[in-house]
Amino acid sequence: MALYKVEICGVNTAKLPLLTKEEKKELWERIAKGDKEARERYIQGNLRLVLSIIQRFSNSNENMDDLFQIGCIGLIKAVDNFDVKQEVQFSTYAVPMILGEIKRYLRDYNSIRVSRSVRDIAYKAIYAKENLTRKNNREPSINEIATEIGIDKEEVVYAMDAIQSPMSLYEPVYSEGGDTLYVMDQIKDKKNKEETWVENMALRDAIDRLSERERNIIDLRFFKGKTQMEVSQEVGISQAQVSRLEKNALKSMRNYLS
């Protein structure tokens, strides 16, 4: 990882501002009154803190821009949740928040590589969700999050799905009397079973009972391996509509096969 990049995420790290003790005090007084400009200035004035923390990960293969962006999310959370009445230095409170955000990212979101642009949308959506939840005292809808960040809801859904952590085959799903049932216990190999051809016939009958549009979506998704976004572009409907039709089709097929 390049530790001495001058520009990270479009920010010239050589020109990051420094706040004096008096400026910090003044900005906190303004932040307490809801001054958004003061909040932004305080965040900008502490970006060097993020830069110093991500250098701890110099031996990793992670992209510095990505770590800096994640660290900024931790910094923003620290600014929004810091209580000046606790009489501790802001940096003392912020460092664990920033470090924790980066470690959580490395643990949860990095087992599968996702494009930079998709991750950017996901991070914006996560931050917008937290802001809207805090502001309205309830969890926002996808439409509200999409409106807040100015991105189509289909792209928000796709981005959020893309950064979800894969489930381990050893993930416990049920436990009783010391006997644990894992995900892998619910998966069976049908490849060499004699009855496979019978099940394939039943599956084909179930598919044939679907509408033409549903059959097309099931074929593209599960036989041709396309993503919902790719299907939406091919059939000319939104990703949300593809998801809804896919769920309805699978439900109909399950009902028929049962």
C-alpha atoms as a PDB file:
ATOM      1  CA  MET A   1       0.000   0.000   0.000  1.00  0.00           C
ATOM      2  CA  ALA A   2       1.389   3.412  -0.961  1.00  0.00           C
ATOM      3  CA  LEU A   3       1.777   5.280   2.331  1.00  0.00           C
ATOM      4  CA  TYR A   4       2.920   8.547   0.878  1.00  0.00           C
ATOM      5  CA  LYS A   5       0.253   9.309  -1.684  1.00  0.00           C
ATOM      6  CA  VAL A   6      -0.403  13.021  -1.770  1.00  0.00           C
ATOM      7  CA  GLU A   7      -3.966  12.736  -3.032  1.00  0.00           C
ATOM      8  CA  ILE A   8      -6.364  10.258  -1.402  1.00  0.00           C
ATOM      9  CA  CYS A   9     -10.015  10.160  -2.455  1.00  0.00           C
ATOM     10  CA  GLY A  10      -9.515  13.551  -4.108  1.00  0.00           C
ATOM     11  CA  VAL A  11      -8.098  15.069  -0.901  1.00  0.00           C
ATOM     12  CA  ASN A  12      -4.630  16.621  -0.972  1.00  0.00           C
ATOM     13  CA  THR A  13      -3.189  15.196   2.255  1.00  0.00           C
ATOM     14  CA  ALA A  14      -0.283  17.632   2.141  1.00  0.00           C
ATOM     15  CA  LYS A  15      -2.737  20.496   2.618  1.00  0.00           C
ATOM     16  CA  LEU A  16      -5.014  19.045   5.286  1.00  0.00           C
ATOM     17  CA  PRO A  17      -5.991  21.796   7.723  1.00  0.00           C
ATOM     18  CA  LEU A  18      -5.025  21.867  11.395  1.00  0.00           C
ATOM     19  CA  LEU A  19      -7.319  23.328  14.046  1.00  0.00           C
ATOM     20  CA  THR A  20      -6.080  25.324  17.000  1.00  0.00           C
ATOM     21  CA  LYS A  21      -7.439  24.677  20.489  1.00  0.00           C
ATOM     22  CA  GLU A  22      -9.478  27.870  20.284  1.00  0.00           C
ATOM     23  CA  GLU A  23     -10.913  26.924  16.881  1.00  0.00           C
ATOM     24  CA  LYS A  24     -11.954  23.504  18.169  1.00  0.00           C
ATOM     25  CA  LYS A  25     -13.748  25.039  21.121  1.00  0.00           C
ATOM     26  CA  GLU A  26     -15.541  27.564  18.926  1.00  0.00           C
ATOM     27  CA  LEU A  27     -16.566  24.926  16.391  1.00  0.00           C
ATOM     28  CA  TRP A  28     -17.966  22.627  19.073  1.00  0.00           C
ATOM     29  CA  GLU A  29     -20.116  25.459  20.387  1.00  0.00           C
ATOM     30  CA  ARG A  30     -21.470  26.008  16.886  1.00  0.00           C
ATOM     31  CA  ILE A  31     -21.921  22.268  16.269  1.00  0.00           C
ATOM     32  CA  ALA A  32     -23.988  22.020  19.448  1.00  0.00           C
ATOM     33  CA  LYS A  33     -26.364  24.580  17.927  1.00  0.00           C
ATOM     34  CA  GLY A  34     -26.751  22.543  14.741  1.00  0.00           C
ATOM     35  CA  ASP A  35     -24.287  24.461  12.567  1.00  0.00           C
ATOM     36  CA  LYS A  36     -23.550  22.125   9.636  1.00  0.00           C
ATOM     37  CA  GLU A  37     -20.731  24.276   8.302  1.00  0.00           C
ATOM     38  CA  ALA A  38     -18.950  24.061  11.662  1.00  0.00           C
ATOM     39  CA  ARG A  39     -19.404  20.290  11.667  1.00  0.00           C
ATOM     40  CA  GLU A  40     -17.876  20.045   8.199  1.00  0.00           C
ATOM     41  CA  ARG A  41     -14.921  22.216   9.221  1.00  0.00           C
ATOM     42  CA  TYR A  42     -14.310  20.092  12.309  1.00  0.00           C
ATOM     43  CA  ILE A  43     -14.338  16.910  10.235  1.00  0.00           C
ATOM     44  CA  GLN A  44     -11.921  18.436   7.704  1.00  0.00           C
ATOM     45  CA  GLY A  45      -9.700  19.570  10.566  1.00  0.00           C
ATOM     46  CA  ASN A  46      -9.347  15.995  11.846  1.00  0.00           C
ATOM     47  CA  LEU A  47      -8.657  14.167   8.594  1.00  0.00           C
ATOM     48  CA  ARG A  48      -4.981  13.933   9.573  1.00  0.00           C
ATOM     49  CA  LEU A  49      -6.137  11.655  12.382  1.00  0.00           C
ATOM     50  CA  VAL A  50      -7.616   9.258   9.813  1.00  0.00           C
ATOM     51  CA  LEU A  51      -4.435   9.432   7.744  1.00  0.00           C
ATOM     52  CA  SER A  52      -2.249   8.509  10.727  1.00  0.00           C
ATOM     53  CA  ILE A  53      -4.478   5.525  11.612  1.00  0.00           C
ATOM     54  CA  ILE A  54      -4.587   3.951   8.147  1.00  0.00           C
ATOM     55  CA  GLN A  55      -0.796   3.905   8.080  1.00  0.00           C
ATOM     56  CA  ARG A  56      -1.018   1.139  10.693  1.00  0.00           C
ATOM     57  CA  PHE A  57      -2.231  -1.101   7.875  1.00  0.00           C
ATOM     58  CA  SER A  58       0.837  -0.518   5.698  1.00  0.00           C
ATOM     59  CA  ASN A  59       1.582  -4.243   5.484  1.00  0.00           C
ATOM     60  CA  SER A  60      -1.816  -5.098   4.040  1.00  0.00           C
ATOM     61  CA  ASN A  61      -2.710  -5.158   0.365  1.00  0.00           C
ATOM     62  CA  GLU A  62      -5.685  -2.874   0.861  1.00  0.00           C
ATOM     63  CA  ASN A  63      -6.214   0.209  -1.280  1.00  0.00           C
ATOM     64  CA  MET A  64      -5.313   3.328   0.694  1.00  0.00           C
ATOM     65  CA  ASP A  65      -8.200   5.282  -0.811  1.00  0.00           C
ATOM     66  CA  ASP A  66     -10.655   2.674   0.433  1.00  0.00           C
ATOM     67  CA  LEU A  67      -9.226   2.628   3.961  1.00  0.00           C
ATOM     68  CA  PHE A  68      -9.198   6.417   4.089  1.00  0.00           C
ATOM     69  CA  GLN A  69     -12.849   6.541   3.055  1.00  0.00           C
ATOM     70  CA  ILE A  70     -13.825   3.973   5.673  1.00  0.00           C
ATOM     71  CA  GLY A  71     -11.796   5.828   8.275  1.00  0.00           C
ATOM     72  CA  CYS A  72     -13.661   9.026   7.396  1.00  0.00           C
ATOM     73  CA  ILE A  73     -16.946   7.256   8.152  1.00  0.00           C
ATOM     74  CA  GLY A  74     -15.566   6.401  11.588  1.00  0.00           C
ATOM     75  CA  LEU A  75     -14.462  10.011  12.057  1.00  0.00           C
ATOM     76  CA  ILE A  76     -17.906  11.315  11.120  1.00  0.00           C
ATOM     77  CA  LYS A  77     -19.541   8.919  13.578  1.00  0.00           C
ATOM     78  CA  ALA A  78     -17.129  10.104  16.263  1.00  0.00           C
ATOM     79  CA  VAL A  79     -17.970  13.778  15.600  1.00  0.00           C
ATOM     80  CA  ASP A  80     -21.711  13.089  15.665  1.00  0.00           C
ATOM     81  CA  ASN A  81     -21.571  11.082  18.903  1.00  0.00           C
ATOM     82  CA  PHE A  82     -18.864  12.846  20.901  1.00  0.00           C
ATOM     83  CA  ASP A  83     -19.945  14.341  24.224  1.00  0.00           C
ATOM     84  CA  VAL A  84     -17.792  17.304  25.269  1.00  0.00           C
ATOM     85  CA  LYS A  85     -19.112  16.958  28.819  1.00  0.00           C
ATOM     86  CA  GLN A  86     -17.068  13.777  29.268  1.00  0.00           C
ATOM     87  CA  GLU A  87     -13.954  15.963  29.502  1.00  0.00           C
ATOM     88  CA  VAL A  88     -11.761  13.764  27.305  1.00  0.00           C
ATOM     89  CA  GLN A  89      -9.794  14.724  24.234  1.00  0.00           C
ATOM     90  CA  PHE A  90     -11.699  14.224  20.983  1.00  0.00           C
ATOM     91  CA  SER A  91      -8.812  12.198  19.566  1.00  0.00           C
ATOM     92  CA  THR A  92      -9.016   9.802  22.544  1.00  0.00           C
ATOM     93  CA  TYR A  93     -12.640   9.109  21.649  1.00  0.00           C
ATOM     94  CA  ALA A  94     -12.238   9.172  17.869  1.00  0.00           C
ATOM     95  CA  VAL A  95      -9.265   6.833  17.410  1.00  0.00           C
ATOM     96  CA  PRO A  96     -11.109   3.652  18.583  1.00  0.00           C
ATOM     97  CA  MET A  97     -14.133   4.652  16.466  1.00  0.00           C
ATOM     98  CA  ILE A  98     -12.030   5.096  13.323  1.00  0.00           C
ATOM     99  CA  LEU A  99      -9.961   1.985  13.984  1.00  0.00           C
ATOM    100  CA  GLY A 100     -13.064  -0.071  14.703  1.00  0.00           C
ATOM    101  CA  GLU A 101     -14.720   1.040  11.459  1.00  0.00           C
ATOM    102  CA  ILE A 102     -11.670   0.024   9.436  1.00  0.00           C
ATOM    103  CA  LYS A 103     -11.310  -3.351  11.173  1.00  0.00           C
ATOM    104  CA  ARG A 104     -15.013  -4.057  10.697  1.00  0.00           C
ATOM    105  CA  TYR A 105     -14.649  -3.299   6.990  1.00  0.00           C
ATOM    106  CA  LEU A 106     -11.633  -5.583   6.657  1.00  0.00           C
ATOM    107  CA  ARG A 107     -13.458  -8.356   8.490  1.00  0.00           C
ATOM    108  CA  ASP A 108     -16.889  -8.138   6.925  1.00  0.00           C
ATOM    109  CA  TYR A 109     -16.657  -6.625   3.458  1.00  0.00           C
ATOM    110  CA  ASN A 110     -13.425  -7.826   1.977  1.00  0.00           C
ATOM    111  CA  SER A 111     -13.886 -11.567   1.437  1.00  0.00           C
ATOM    112  CA  ILE A 112     -15.374 -10.836  -1.999  1.00  0.00           C
ATOM    113  CA  ARG A 113     -14.001  -8.039  -4.181  1.00  0.00           C
ATOM    114  CA  VAL A 114     -16.600  -5.459  -5.129  1.00  0.00           C
ATOM    115  CA  SER A 115     -15.978  -2.601  -7.555  1.00  0.00           C
ATOM    116  CA  ARG A 116     -14.993   0.759  -6.111  1.00  0.00           C
ATOM    117  CA  SER A 117     -18.046   2.578  -7.489  1.00  0.00           C
ATOM    118  CA  VAL A 118     -20.457   0.036  -5.980  1.00  0.00           C
ATOM    119  CA  ARG A 119     -18.735   0.242  -2.584  1.00  0.00           C
ATOM    120  CA  ASP A 120     -18.925   4.056  -2.715  1.00  0.00           C
ATOM    121  CA  ILE A 121     -22.694   3.893  -3.199  1.00  0.00           C
ATOM    122  CA  ALA A 122     -23.021   1.362  -0.376  1.00  0.00           C
ATOM    123  CA  TYR A 123     -21.023   3.517   2.056  1.00  0.00           C
ATOM    124  CA  LYS A 124     -23.083   6.590   1.196  1.00  0.00           C
ATOM    125  CA  ALA A 125     -26.266   4.577   1.737  1.00  0.00           C
ATOM    126  CA  ILE A 126     -25.071   3.261   5.114  1.00  0.00           C
ATOM    127  CA  TYR A 127     -24.190   6.745   6.327  1.00  0.00           C
ATOM    128  CA  ALA A 128     -27.471   8.195   5.009  1.00  0.00           C
ATOM    129  CA  LYS A 129     -29.397   5.410   6.747  1.00  0.00           C
ATOM    130  CA  GLU A 130     -27.730   6.198  10.080  1.00  0.00           C
ATOM    131  CA  ASN A 131     -28.400   9.927   9.684  1.00  0.00           C
ATOM    132  CA  LEU A 132     -32.058   9.421   8.742  1.00  0.00           C
ATOM    133  CA  THR A 133     -32.595   6.922  11.571  1.00  0.00           C
ATOM    134  CA  ARG A 134     -31.166   9.369  14.092  1.00  0.00           C
ATOM    135  CA  LYS A 135     -33.154  12.270  12.618  1.00  0.00           C
ATOM    136  CA  ASN A 136     -36.554  10.533  12.312  1.00  0.00           C
ATOM    137  CA  ASN A 137     -36.253   7.988  15.155  1.00  0.00           C
ATOM    138  CA  ARG A 138     -37.097   5.155  12.763  1.00  0.00           C
ATOM    139  CA  GLU A 139     -35.418   3.097  10.065  1.00  0.00           C
ATOM    140  CA  PRO A 140     -35.717   4.801   6.662  1.00  0.00           C
ATOM    141  CA  SER A 141     -37.071   3.143   3.539  1.00  0.00           C
ATOM    142  CA  ILE A 142     -34.911   2.444   0.489  1.00  0.00           C
ATOM    143  CA  ASN A 143     -36.718   5.279  -1.311  1.00  0.00           C
ATOM    144  CA  GLU A 144     -35.787   7.722   1.468  1.00  0.00           C
ATOM    145  CA  ILE A 145     -32.146   6.626   1.426  1.00  0.00           C
ATOM    146  CA  ALA A 146     -31.998   6.866  -2.380  1.00  0.00           C
ATOM    147  CA  THR A 147     -33.517  10.370  -2.289  1.00  0.00           C
ATOM    148  CA  GLU A 148     -31.079  11.452   0.433  1.00  0.00           C
ATOM    149  CA  ILE A 149     -27.991  10.501  -1.602  1.00  0.00           C
ATOM    150  CA  GLY A 150     -29.476  11.269  -5.027  1.00  0.00           C
ATOM    151  CA  ILE A 151     -29.080   7.759  -6.479  1.00  0.00           C
ATOM    152  CA  ASP A 152     -31.689   5.430  -8.015  1.00  0.00           C
ATOM    153  CA  LYS A 153     -33.123   3.013  -5.458  1.00  0.00           C
ATOM    154  CA  GLU A 154     -32.275   0.041  -7.686  1.00  0.00           C
ATOM    155  CA  GLU A 155     -28.586   0.988  -7.541  1.00  0.00           C
ATOM    156  CA  VAL A 156     -28.780   1.395  -3.758  1.00  0.00           C
ATOM    157  CA  VAL A 157     -30.319  -2.076  -3.354  1.00  0.00           C
ATOM    158  CA  TYR A 158     -27.711  -3.603  -5.661  1.00  0.00           C
ATOM    159  CA  ALA A 159     -24.817  -1.910  -3.827  1.00  0.00           C
ATOM    160  CA  MET A 160     -26.074  -2.934  -0.393  1.00  0.00           C
ATOM    161  CA  ASP A 161     -26.515  -6.529  -1.552  1.00  0.00           C
ATOM    162  CA  ALA A 162     -23.036  -6.550  -3.079  1.00  0.00           C
ATOM    163  CA  ILE A 163     -21.242  -5.789   0.200  1.00  0.00           C
ATOM    164  CA  GLN A 164     -23.129  -8.326   2.278  1.00  0.00           C
ATOM    165  CA  SER A 165     -20.883 -10.924   3.855  1.00  0.00           C
ATOM    166  CA  PRO A 166     -21.211 -14.457   2.467  1.00  0.00           C
ATOM    167  CA  MET A 167     -22.582 -17.029   4.900  1.00  0.00           C
ATOM    168  CA  SER A 168     -20.241 -19.774   6.028  1.00  0.00           C
ATOM    169  CA  LEU A 169     -21.240 -23.395   5.466  1.00  0.00           C
ATOM    170  CA  TYR A 170     -20.422 -23.853   9.132  1.00  0.00           C
ATOM    171  CA  GLU A 171     -22.874 -21.151  10.252  1.00  0.00           C
ATOM    172  CA  PRO A 172     -25.107 -22.719  12.962  1.00  0.00           C
ATOM    173  CA  VAL A 173     -28.818 -22.511  12.174  1.00  0.00           C
ATOM    174  CA  TYR A 174     -30.255 -24.623  14.984  1.00  0.00           C
ATOM    175  CA  SER A 175     -29.040 -26.169  18.226  1.00  0.00           C
ATOM    176  CA  GLU A 176     -30.717 -28.436  20.756  1.00  0.00           C
ATOM    177  CA  GLY A 177     -29.273 -30.683  23.421  1.00  0.00           C
ATOM    178  CA  GLY A 178     -25.730 -30.100  22.286  1.00  0.00           C
ATOM    179  CA  ASP A 179     -26.478 -31.133  18.688  1.00  0.00           C
ATOM    180  CA  THR A 180     -25.915 -28.256  16.269  1.00  0.00           C
ATOM    181  CA  LEU A 181     -27.345 -28.093  12.756  1.00  0.00           C
ATOM    182  CA  TYR A 182     -25.174 -26.137  10.291  1.00  0.00           C
ATOM    183  CA  VAL A 183     -25.942 -24.597   6.895  1.00  0.00           C
ATOM    184  CA  MET A 184     -23.978 -27.359   5.193  1.00  0.00           C
ATOM    185  CA  ASP A 185     -26.265 -29.949   6.814  1.00  0.00           C
ATOM    186  CA  GLN A 186     -29.167 -28.532   4.826  1.00  0.00           C
ATOM    187  CA  ILE A 187     -27.364 -28.789   1.495  1.00  0.00           C
ATOM    188  CA  LYS A 188     -27.390 -32.069  -0.389  1.00  0.00           C
ATOM    189  CA  ASP A 189     -25.640 -33.243  -3.529  1.00  0.00           C
ATOM    190  CA  LYS A 190     -28.146 -34.408  -6.116  1.00  0.00           C
ATOM    191  CA  LYS A 191     -25.596 -34.915  -8.873  1.00  0.00           C
ATOM    192  CA  ASN A 192     -25.440 -38.688  -8.709  1.00  0.00           C
ATOM    193  CA  LYS A 193     -28.878 -39.564  -7.335  1.00  0.00           C
ATOM    194  CA  GLU A 194     -31.037 -41.841  -9.419  1.00  0.00           C
ATOM    195  CA  GLU A 195     -34.126 -39.747  -8.830  1.00  0.00           C
ATOM    196  CA  THR A 196     -32.487 -36.566 -10.172  1.00  0.00           C
ATOM    197  CA  TRP A 197     -34.077 -36.949 -13.607  1.00  0.00           C
ATOM    198  CA  VAL A 198     -37.539 -37.222 -11.998  1.00  0.00           C
ATOM    199  CA  GLU A 199     -36.939 -34.057  -9.987  1.00  0.00           C
ATOM    200  CA  ASN A 200     -35.724 -32.277 -13.130  1.00  0.00           C
ATOM    201  CA  MET A 201     -38.956 -33.191 -14.879  1.00  0.00           C
ATOM    202  CA  ALA A 202     -41.000 -31.854 -11.956  1.00  0.00           C
ATOM    203  CA  LEU A 203     -38.920 -28.670 -11.959  1.00  0.00           C
ATOM    204  CA  ARG A 204     -39.511 -28.188 -15.682  1.00  0.00           C
ATOM    205  CA  ASP A 205     -43.255 -28.653 -15.153  1.00  0.00           C
ATOM    206  CA  ALA A 206     -43.166 -26.038 -12.381  1.00  0.00           C
ATOM    207  CA  ILE A 207     -41.337 -23.597 -14.665  1.00  0.00           C
ATOM    208  CA  ASP A 208     -43.778 -24.224 -17.515  1.00  0.00           C
ATOM    209  CA  ARG A 209     -46.629 -23.073 -15.270  1.00  0.00           C
ATOM    210  CA  LEU A 210     -45.070 -19.613 -14.883  1.00  0.00           C
ATOM    211  CA  SER A 211     -45.892 -16.626 -17.037  1.00  0.00           C
ATOM    212  CA  GLU A 212     -43.627 -15.942 -20.003  1.00  0.00           C
ATOM    213  CA  ARG A 213     -41.901 -13.051 -18.231  1.00  0.00           C
ATOM    214  CA  GLU A 214     -41.340 -15.111 -15.061  1.00  0.00           C
ATOM    215  CA  ARG A 215     -39.956 -18.042 -17.083  1.00  0.00           C
ATOM    216  CA  ASN A 216     -37.561 -15.694 -18.853  1.00  0.00           C
ATOM    217  CA  ILE A 217     -36.326 -14.240 -15.557  1.00  0.00           C
ATOM    218  CA  ILE A 218     -35.831 -17.675 -13.963  1.00  0.00           C
ATOM    219  CA  ASP A 219     -33.945 -18.845 -17.059  1.00  0.00           C
ATOM    220  CA  LEU A 220     -31.658 -15.797 -17.089  1.00  0.00           C
ATOM    221  CA  ARG A 221     -31.046 -15.867 -13.329  1.00  0.00           C
ATOM    222  CA  PHE A 222     -30.602 -19.561 -12.565  1.00  0.00           C
ATOM    223  CA  PHE A 223     -29.728 -21.223 -15.866  1.00  0.00           C
ATOM    224  CA  LYS A 224     -27.606 -18.495 -17.434  1.00  0.00           C
ATOM    225  CA  GLY A 225     -26.207 -17.152 -14.167  1.00  0.00           C
ATOM    226  CA  LYS A 226     -26.978 -13.458 -14.682  1.00  0.00           C
ATOM    227  CA  THR A 227     -27.354 -10.923 -11.865  1.00  0.00           C
ATOM    228  CA  GLN A 228     -30.636  -9.155 -11.206  1.00  0.00           C
ATOM    229  CA  MET A 229     -29.122  -5.937 -12.545  1.00  0.00           C
ATOM    230  CA  GLU A 230     -28.078  -7.678 -15.780  1.00  0.00           C
ATOM    231  CA  VAL A 231     -31.541  -9.221 -16.107  1.00  0.00           C
ATOM    232  CA  SER A 232     -33.209  -5.843 -15.563  1.00  0.00           C
ATOM    233  CA  GLN A 233     -31.151  -4.323 -18.377  1.00  0.00           C
ATOM    234  CA  GLU A 234     -31.930  -7.223 -20.718  1.00  0.00           C
ATOM    235  CA  VAL A 235     -35.692  -7.353 -20.160  1.00  0.00           C
ATOM    236  CA  GLY A 236     -36.147  -3.599 -19.782  1.00  0.00           C
ATOM    237  CA  ILE A 237     -37.550  -3.348 -16.253  1.00  0.00           C
ATOM    238  CA  SER A 238     -36.103  -2.158 -12.948  1.00  0.00           C
ATOM    239  CA  GLN A 239     -33.973  -4.353 -10.700  1.00  0.00           C
ATOM    240  CA  ALA A 240     -36.629  -4.070  -7.991  1.00  0.00           C
ATOM    241  CA  GLN A 241     -39.261  -5.428 -10.408  1.00  0.00           C
ATOM    242  CA  VAL A 242     -36.942  -8.301 -11.369  1.00  0.00           C
ATOM    243  CA  SER A 243     -36.488  -9.127  -7.685  1.00  0.00           C
ATOM    244  CA  ARG A 244     -40.247  -9.067  -7.065  1.00  0.00           C
ATOM    245  CA  LEU A 245     -41.058 -11.239 -10.109  1.00  0.00           C
ATOM    246  CA  GLU A 246     -38.274 -13.668  -9.221  1.00  0.00           C
ATOM    247  CA  LYS A 247     -39.591 -14.100  -5.675  1.00  0.00           C
ATOM    248  CA  ASN A 248     -43.143 -14.633  -6.912  1.00  0.00           C
ATOM    249  CA  ALA A 249     -41.967 -17.200  -9.472  1.00  0.00           C
ATOM    250  CA  LEU A 250     -39.911 -19.135  -6.914  1.00  0.00           C
ATOM    251  CA  LYS A 251     -42.846 -19.128  -4.495  1.00  0.00           C
ATOM    252  CA  SER A 252     -45.163 -20.499  -7.192  1.00  0.00           C
ATOM    253  CA  MET A 253     -42.639 -23.201  -8.074  1.00  0.00           C
ATOM    254  CA  ARG A 254     -42.180 -24.198  -4.430  1.00  0.00           C
ATOM    255  CA  ASN A 255     -45.950 -24.446  -3.980  1.00  0.00           C
ATOM    256  CA  TYR A 256     -46.245 -26.653  -7.063  1.00  0.00           C
ATOM    257  CA  LEU A 257     -43.336 -28.910  -6.093  1.00  0.00           C
ATOM    258  CA  SER A 258     -44.584 -29.366  -2.546  1.00  0.00           C
END
